[in-house]
Amino acid sequence: MSKLERIATFCGQCNCGCPELWIDPDAPDEQRVVITDDFGQRIQMSLAQLHDLVSDVKEGALDALLATTRR
């Protein structure tokens, strides 16, 4: 069993099992990044895919969606 390394917790203001970003150093390159949610689900992706996702978000890909869902 691999040892996941926690990178970030999203929210973190409660004990609901907030979504988290992990690195699995023992996983194949295409599955190294792990994102877990508060429902026990997880997705895995490569570091390159995470880089693309972060770049898209920084460039505004989700701005319209987030503008309609502000707290």
Foldseek 3Di string as FASTA:
>chain_A
DFDWAWDDFPPPVDDQFGKTWTAGPPDPQQFGIWIAHSVGDIGGGHPVVVVVVVVCVVVPVCVVVCVVVDD
